[in-house]
Amino acid sequence: MPEAPVAHSELAALTGRFEEVAEKTDREFGIIKSDLTAVRLQVGNLDQKVDRLEGRIEGLGQKMDRNQAQIVELLTRLVGQDPNAG
């Protein structure tokens, strides 16, 4: 039984529409994949920066402790009393 010309043209139109949508979806997927790769790189860089910042904060805390100890020592000398004495 021969196909009706209308059915054949409808099938061709649907196939064409499917191919257009598939191409658009592929492009959009490529854009999303590219953006995701960029975000992953930025997160990796952020992790490295946070690690460095943690090290700097720790060093700053140690420096503050040393400075505080020096201040207590200087004030103790100035006043002439032991800060640990009851």
Protein backbone atom coordinates (compact mmCIF):
# COMPACT_ATOMS: atom_id res chain seq x y z
CA MET A 1 0.00 0.00 0.00
CA PRO A 2 1.55 3.32 -1.06
CA GLU A 3 2.08 6.03 1.53
CA ALA A 4 -0.10 9.07 1.32
CA PRO A 5 1.85 12.20 0.26
CA VAL A 6 0.46 14.10 3.25
CA ALA A 7 1.76 11.51 5.71
CA HIS A 8 5.18 11.55 4.06
CA SER A 9 5.44 15.36 4.22
CA GLU A 10 4.25 15.35 7.84
CA LEU A 11 6.88 12.77 8.71
CA ALA A 12 9.55 14.85 6.96
CA ALA A 13 8.39 17.97 8.84
CA LEU A 14 8.46 16.15 12.18
CA THR A 15 11.89 14.71 11.43
CA GLY A 16 13.17 18.17 10.50
CA ARG A 17 11.73 19.66 13.67
CA PHE A 18 13.28 16.89 15.76
CA GLU A 19 16.69 17.53 14.18
CA GLU A 20 16.41 21.29 14.84
CA VAL A 21 15.54 20.69 18.49
CA ALA A 22 18.32 18.10 18.83
CA GLU A 23 20.90 20.56 17.42
CA LYS A 24 19.69 23.32 19.71
CA THR A 25 19.78 20.96 22.70
CA ASP A 26 23.31 19.86 21.79
CA ARG A 27 24.47 23.50 21.62
CA GLU A 28 22.81 24.33 24.94
CA PHE A 29 24.28 21.21 26.53
CA GLY A 30 27.72 22.24 25.24
CA ILE A 31 27.30 25.69 26.78
CA ILE A 32 26.21 24.20 30.11
CA LYS A 33 29.12 21.75 30.06
CA SER A 34 31.55 24.59 29.35
CA ASP A 35 30.09 26.70 32.15
CA LEU A 36 30.28 23.76 34.54
CA THR A 37 33.94 23.26 33.70
CA ALA A 38 34.62 26.93 34.42
CA VAL A 39 32.80 26.70 37.75
CA ARG A 40 34.80 23.63 38.71
CA LEU A 41 38.05 25.48 37.99
CA GLN A 42 36.91 28.44 40.07
CA VAL A 43 35.93 26.17 42.98
CA GLY A 44 39.35 24.50 42.79
CA ASN A 45 41.05 27.90 42.87
CA LEU A 46 38.83 28.95 45.77
CA ASP A 47 39.84 25.82 47.73
CA GLN A 48 43.51 26.71 47.26
CA LYS A 49 42.91 30.30 48.36
CA VAL A 50 41.02 29.15 51.47
CA ASP A 51 43.88 26.81 52.37
CA ARG A 52 46.40 29.64 52.06
CA LEU A 53 44.13 31.95 54.06
CA GLU A 54 43.83 29.38 56.85
CA GLY A 55 47.63 29.24 57.07
CA ARG A 56 47.86 33.02 57.21
CA ILE A 57 45.18 33.21 59.91
CA GLU A 58 47.01 30.62 61.99
CA GLY A 59 50.24 32.60 61.65
CA LEU A 60 48.43 35.79 62.61
CA GLY A 61 47.00 34.09 65.71
CA GLN A 62 50.48 32.99 66.76
CA LYS A 63 51.82 36.49 66.23
CA MET A 64 48.98 37.95 68.32
CA ASP A 65 49.77 35.48 71.11
CA ARG A 66 53.44 36.52 71.07
CA ASN A 67 52.52 40.21 71.09
CA GLN A 68 50.08 39.70 73.95
CA ALA A 69 52.77 37.87 75.95
CA GLN A 70 55.19 40.74 75.31
CA ILE A 71 52.60 43.29 76.43
CA VAL A 72 51.96 41.36 79.65
CA GLU A 73 55.70 41.13 80.27
CA LEU A 74 56.22 44.85 79.67
CA LEU A 75 53.29 45.82 81.88
CA THR A 76 54.57 43.47 84.59
CA ARG A 77 57.95 45.18 84.50
CA LEU A 78 56.29 48.58 84.55
CA VAL A 79 54.12 47.77 87.54
CA GLY A 80 56.65 45.46 89.19
CA GLN A 81 54.21 42.67 89.97
CA ASP A 82 53.82 39.07 88.88
CA PRO A 83 50.54 38.78 86.90
CA ASN A 84 50.23 35.14 87.96
CA ALA A 85 50.47 35.91 91.68
CA GLY A 86 47.13 35.58 93.49
